[in-house]
């Protein structure tokens, strides 16, 4: 789950931080040891220099007293050896310390200790994206199924195909009937198929017709449904619509034979509301 993935990410980041601190501490410890060795070599060098200067002063004294024989050789030989030893130790210590420091610096620079954590983070993000995609797909499937298989309607409504219909037992003018349907999150019936028109007409009788959600009150001769769609499929009775009368006829009704007629919107008639399941 996303919560588990986030918790795992925090744990990985904490472990990475601890590993980074441990590597840093070890590197600093090794660098400190290298500098300590270099300092010891420097102290030995200073001691060797002191000894050498002492021996040189003895040589100078011997030369000053013109004792150039075996005594001069006795002092010169240790001085030469001491100088060579000091030079070799300094070179060796410098090389070792330099190599140690360069190795540690290269490790710290080249090896990205955060790389595993970043890789894990990328994998967690990918898994989260895949999980969200699967969830979206599942929700879309459920939504599609709910649209295809509509099983129930509110009390007093009738099921047909994917919609629920309410057939009124009272009468109202067209606009009042429209507002009534809107109050139930529905609309006056919109006919999309011949089968739907027959279903609506089957509830009408010779003396009982129903308002449809069809009008041309906003633009005479241009009939449109209450959802603003223009009329495409129609079932007008012969000679209709004719906009007869002084007031005009701008709203449509359906008869029991399935035919439509336009009448005055102010007439009180039963109505049909339509809504999704």
Protein backbone atom coordinates (compact mmCIF):
# COMPACT_ATOMS: atom_id res chain seq x y z
CA UNK A 1 0.00 0.00 0.00
CA UNK A 2 1.15 3.67 -0.36
CA UNK A 3 1.52 4.00 3.47
CA UNK A 4 3.75 0.92 3.64
CA UNK A 5 5.85 2.15 0.73
CA UNK A 6 6.37 5.55 2.42
CA UNK A 7 7.35 3.87 5.72
CA UNK A 8 9.87 1.67 3.84
CA UNK A 9 11.28 4.78 2.19
CA UNK A 10 11.86 6.45 5.56
CA UNK A 11 13.64 3.34 6.88
CA UNK A 12 15.90 3.19 3.80
CA UNK A 13 16.77 6.88 4.11
CA UNK A 14 17.62 6.42 7.82
CA UNK A 15 19.87 3.42 7.06
CA UNK A 16 21.56 5.35 4.26
CA UNK A 17 22.26 8.27 6.57
CA UNK A 18 23.77 5.94 9.22
CA UNK A 19 25.93 4.24 6.56
CA UNK A 20 27.10 7.59 5.24
CA UNK A 21 28.08 8.78 8.75
CA UNK A 22 29.91 5.50 9.42
CA UNK A 23 31.91 5.74 6.18
CA UNK A 24 32.75 9.36 6.94
CA UNK A 25 33.91 8.48 10.45
CA UNK A 26 36.12 5.64 9.14
CA UNK A 27 37.59 7.91 6.47
CA UNK A 28 38.36 10.64 9.01
CA UNK A 29 39.90 8.05 11.36
CA UNK A 30 42.17 6.71 8.61
CA UNK A 31 43.15 10.20 7.53
CA UNK A 32 43.95 11.08 11.15
CA UNK A 33 46.10 7.96 11.48
CA UNK A 34 47.95 8.89 8.29
CA UNK A 35 48.66 12.40 9.51
CA UNK A 36 49.81 10.97 12.87
CA UNK A 37 52.26 8.69 11.08
CA UNK A 38 53.50 11.66 9.07
CA UNK A 39 53.98 13.67 12.26
CA UNK A 40 55.97 10.83 13.85
CA UNK A 41 58.16 10.65 10.77
CA UNK A 42 58.69 14.40 10.99
CA UNK A 43 59.72 14.10 14.66
CA UNK A 44 62.13 11.31 13.80
CA UNK A 45 63.49 13.51 11.05
CA UNK A 46 64.02 16.36 13.48
CA UNK A 47 65.79 14.00 15.90
CA UNK A 48 67.92 12.72 13.06
CA UNK A 49 68.72 16.29 12.03
CA UNK A 50 69.72 17.10 15.61
CA UNK A 51 72.00 14.10 15.70
CA UNK A 52 73.40 14.98 12.33
CA UNK A 53 74.10 18.57 13.30
CA UNK A 54 75.78 17.34 16.46
CA UNK A 55 77.95 15.02 14.41
CA UNK A 56 78.70 17.80 11.94
CA UNK A 57 79.76 20.08 14.75
CA UNK A 58 82.07 17.34 15.98
CA UNK A 59 83.47 17.03 12.47
CA UNK A 60 83.94 20.77 12.25
CA UNK A 61 85.68 20.76 15.57
CA UNK A 62 87.86 17.92 14.45
CA UNK A 63 88.67 19.74 11.20
CA UNK A 64 89.37 22.89 13.10
CA UNK A 65 91.86 21.02 15.22
CA UNK A 66 93.26 19.51 11.97
CA UNK A 67 92.59 15.97 13.09
CA UNK A 68 91.72 14.69 9.60
CA UNK A 69 92.51 11.06 10.11
CA UNK A 70 90.42 8.19 11.26
CA UNK A 71 88.44 10.46 13.60
CA UNK A 72 87.06 12.51 10.66
CA UNK A 73 86.00 9.34 8.86
CA UNK A 74 84.41 8.14 12.09
CA UNK A 75 82.12 11.15 12.20
CA UNK A 76 81.45 11.58 8.46
CA UNK A 77 80.27 8.04 7.86
CA UNK A 78 77.42 8.07 10.45
CA UNK A 79 76.32 11.53 9.25
CA UNK A 80 76.00 10.34 5.65
CA UNK A 81 74.12 7.22 6.68
CA UNK A 82 71.83 9.22 8.96
CA UNK A 83 70.98 11.70 6.20
CA UNK A 84 70.18 8.90 3.75
CA UNK A 85 68.00 7.14 6.32
CA UNK A 86 66.09 10.31 7.08
CA UNK A 87 65.61 11.04 3.38
CA UNK A 88 64.32 7.50 2.75
CA UNK A 89 61.94 7.58 5.74
CA UNK A 90 60.55 10.98 4.71
CA UNK A 91 59.99 9.82 1.15
CA UNK A 92 58.38 6.58 2.28
CA UNK A 93 56.10 8.28 4.82
CA UNK A 94 55.08 10.94 2.34
CA UNK A 95 54.25 8.33 -0.29
CA UNK A 96 52.24 6.17 2.13
CA UNK A 97 50.31 9.06 3.64
CA UNK A 98 49.66 10.61 0.27
CA UNK A 99 48.38 7.31 -1.13
CA UNK A 100 46.12 6.74 1.88
CA UNK A 101 44.62 10.20 1.70
CA UNK A 102 44.13 10.12 -2.06
CA UNK A 103 42.49 6.68 -1.84
CA UNK A 104 40.01 7.81 0.81
CA UNK A 105 39.22 11.03 -1.00
CA UNK A 106 38.67 9.14 -4.24
CA UNK A 107 36.31 6.71 -2.48
CA UNK A 108 34.35 9.57 -0.96
CA UNK A 109 34.17 11.43 -4.25
CA UNK A 110 33.52 8.56 -6.65
CA UNK A 111 31.29 6.29 -4.59
CA UNK A 112 27.89 7.86 -4.15
CA UNK A 113 26.58 6.35 -0.91
CA UNK A 114 23.13 7.77 -1.61
CA UNK A 115 22.81 5.89 -4.90
CA UNK A 116 21.13 2.78 -3.37
CA UNK A 117 18.63 4.97 -1.51
CA UNK A 118 17.84 6.97 -4.62
CA UNK A 119 17.40 3.78 -6.60
CA UNK A 120 15.04 2.44 -3.93
CA UNK A 121 13.14 5.72 -3.94
CA UNK A 122 12.71 5.54 -7.72
CA UNK A 123 11.45 1.96 -7.43
CA UNK A 124 8.97 2.95 -4.71
CA UNK A 125 7.70 5.81 -6.86
CA UNK A 126 7.28 3.48 -9.83
CA UNK A 127 5.41 0.94 -7.71
CA UNK A 128 3.19 3.70 -6.31
CA UNK A 129 2.43 4.91 -9.84
CA UNK A 130 1.57 1.36 -10.93
CA UNK A 131 -0.68 0.91 -7.88
CA UNK A 132 -2.50 4.18 -8.59
CA UNK A 133 -2.92 3.18 -12.23
CA UNK A 134 -4.42 -0.18 -11.19
CA UNK A 135 -6.73 1.60 -8.74
CA UNK A 136 -7.89 4.04 -11.43
CA UNK A 137 -8.52 1.13 -13.80
CA UNK A 138 -10.54 -0.70 -11.14
CA UNK A 139 -12.60 2.40 -10.38
CA UNK A 140 -13.25 2.94 -14.09
CA UNK A 141 -14.37 -0.68 -14.42
CA UNK A 142 -16.76 -0.30 -11.50
CA UNK A 143 -18.08 2.94 -12.99
CA UNK A 144 -18.64 1.30 -16.35
CA UNK A 145 -20.38 -1.65 -14.75
CA UNK A 146 -22.64 0.65 -12.77
CA UNK A 147 -23.61 2.38 -16.00
CA UNK A 148 -24.20 -0.87 -17.88
CA UNK A 149 -25.92 -2.84 -15.13
CA UNK A 150 -28.39 -0.57 -13.38
CA UNK A 151 -30.31 -2.64 -10.83
CA UNK A 152 -32.27 -0.23 -8.62
CA UNK A 153 -34.18 3.05 -8.81
CA UNK A 154 -35.64 5.27 -6.05
CA UNK A 155 -39.07 4.37 -4.72
CA UNK A 156 -41.79 5.46 -7.12
CA UNK A 157 -39.44 5.41 -10.14
CA UNK A 158 -39.35 2.80 -12.91
CA UNK A 159 -36.27 1.24 -14.46
CA UNK A 160 -35.68 1.15 -18.19
CA UNK A 161 -32.25 0.38 -19.77
CA UNK A 162 -29.76 2.53 -17.90
CA UNK A 163 -32.16 5.14 -16.51
CA UNK A 164 -34.95 5.64 -13.97
CA UNK A 165 -38.26 7.33 -14.86
CA UNK A 166 -40.91 9.04 -12.77
CA UNK A 167 -44.44 9.31 -14.21
CA UNK A 168 -46.45 11.98 -12.41
CA UNK A 169 -50.08 11.55 -11.36
CA UNK A 170 -50.68 15.31 -11.18
CA UNK A 171 -50.39 18.10 -13.72
CA UNK A 172 -48.22 21.19 -14.00
CA UNK A 173 -47.16 23.68 -16.61
CA UNK A 174 -44.06 22.74 -18.58
CA UNK A 175 -41.59 25.03 -16.74
CA UNK A 176 -42.94 23.96 -13.32
CA UNK A 177 -42.60 20.31 -14.32
CA UNK A 178 -39.03 20.99 -15.49
CA UNK A 179 -38.16 22.56 -12.13
CA UNK A 180 -39.75 19.65 -10.27
CA UNK A 181 -37.48 17.19 -12.05
CA UNK A 182 -34.41 19.34 -11.37
CA UNK A 183 -35.22 19.28 -7.64
CA UNK A 184 -34.76 15.48 -7.77
CA UNK A 185 -31.46 15.80 -9.70
CA UNK A 186 -33.32 14.69 -12.82
CA UNK A 187 -34.69 16.30 -16.00
CA UNK A 188 -37.79 16.07 -18.15
CA UNK A 189 -37.61 12.95 -20.31
CA UNK A 190 -35.24 13.01 -23.28
CA UNK A 191 -35.91 10.45 -26.05
CA UNK A 192 -32.76 8.88 -27.54
CA UNK A 193 -34.15 5.69 -29.12
CA UNK A 194 -37.37 4.31 -30.58
CA UNK A 195 -37.50 1.75 -27.76
CA UNK A 196 -37.34 4.48 -25.15
CA UNK A 197 -40.12 6.43 -26.89
CA UNK A 198 -42.34 3.31 -26.88
CA UNK A 199 -41.61 2.77 -23.16
CA UNK A 200 -42.76 6.32 -22.39
CA UNK A 201 -45.82 6.10 -24.64
CA UNK A 202 -46.94 2.85 -22.98
CA UNK A 203 -47.63 4.83 -19.79
CA UNK A 204 -49.88 7.33 -21.57
CA UNK A 205 -53.56 6.86 -22.26
CA UNK A 206 -56.14 8.44 -24.53
CA UNK A 207 -56.84 11.09 -21.92
CA UNK A 208 -53.40 11.23 -20.32
CA UNK A 209 -50.35 12.60 -22.15
CA UNK A 210 -46.93 13.56 -20.77
CA UNK A 211 -44.60 16.52 -21.08
CA UNK A 212 -41.24 15.75 -22.70
CA UNK A 213 -38.08 17.75 -22.13
CA UNK A 214 -38.37 19.28 -25.63
CA UNK A 215 -39.05 22.96 -26.47
CA UNK A 216 -38.49 25.70 -29.02
CA UNK A 217 -39.42 28.58 -26.68
CA UNK A 218 -35.93 30.06 -26.92
CA UNK A 219 -35.69 29.95 -30.71
CA UNK A 220 -38.88 29.41 -32.69
CA UNK A 221 -38.62 26.40 -34.96
CA UNK A 222 -35.38 25.20 -33.37
CA UNK A 223 -36.40 22.35 -31.09
CA UNK A 224 -33.93 21.31 -28.44
CA UNK A 225 -33.84 19.12 -25.36
CA UNK A 226 -33.46 20.42 -21.81
CA UNK A 227 -29.78 19.38 -21.88
CA UNK A 228 -29.30 21.86 -24.80
CA UNK A 229 -28.92 19.14 -27.43
CA UNK A 230 -30.61 19.84 -30.74
CA UNK A 231 -33.37 17.48 -31.85
CA UNK A 232 -32.16 14.72 -34.15
CA UNK A 233 -34.50 11.72 -33.68
CA UNK A 234 -38.20 12.71 -33.68
CA UNK A 235 -41.67 11.09 -33.67
CA UNK A 236 -43.97 14.00 -34.53
CA UNK A 237 -47.56 13.24 -35.46
CA UNK A 238 -48.48 14.08 -39.03
CA UNK A 239 -48.66 17.87 -39.50
CA UNK A 240 -46.79 18.58 -36.27
CA UNK A 241 -45.29 20.72 -34.94
CA UNK A 242 -47.53 23.51 -36.24
CA UNK A 243 -47.22 26.24 -33.57
CA UNK A 244 -50.98 26.81 -33.65
CA UNK A 245 -52.87 29.39 -31.63
CA UNK A 246 -52.28 33.00 -30.63
CA UNK A 247 -49.91 32.07 -27.80
CA UNK A 248 -48.02 29.61 -29.94
CA UNK A 249 -47.09 26.05 -29.13
CA UNK A 250 -43.53 25.69 -27.89
CA UNK A 251 -43.47 22.56 -25.71
CA UNK A 252 -43.78 18.89 -26.71
CA UNK A 253 -45.92 16.06 -25.35
CA UNK A 254 -46.04 12.33 -26.12
CA UNK A 255 -49.29 10.42 -26.84
CA UNK A 256 -50.11 6.80 -26.13
CA UNK A 257 -49.45 5.92 -29.79
CA UNK A 258 -45.90 7.25 -29.46
CA UNK A 259 -46.56 10.35 -31.57
CA UNK A 260 -45.49 13.84 -30.46
CA UNK A 261 -47.35 17.13 -30.58
CA UNK A 262 -46.52 20.73 -29.73
CA UNK A 263 -48.88 22.55 -27.37
CA UNK A 264 -48.79 25.72 -25.28
CA UNK A 265 -46.26 25.48 -22.45
CA UNK A 266 -48.82 27.01 -20.07
CA UNK A 267 -51.12 23.99 -20.32
CA UNK A 268 -51.17 21.82 -17.17
CA UNK A 269 -50.15 18.28 -18.08
CA UNK A 270 -48.57 15.24 -16.39
CA UNK A 271 -44.84 14.91 -16.89
CA UNK A 272 -42.01 12.39 -16.96
CA UNK A 273 -38.72 12.86 -15.08
CA UNK A 274 -35.59 10.95 -16.12
CA UNK A 275 -32.33 10.36 -14.20
CA UNK A 276 -29.44 7.94 -14.05
CA UNK A 277 -29.61 4.94 -11.75
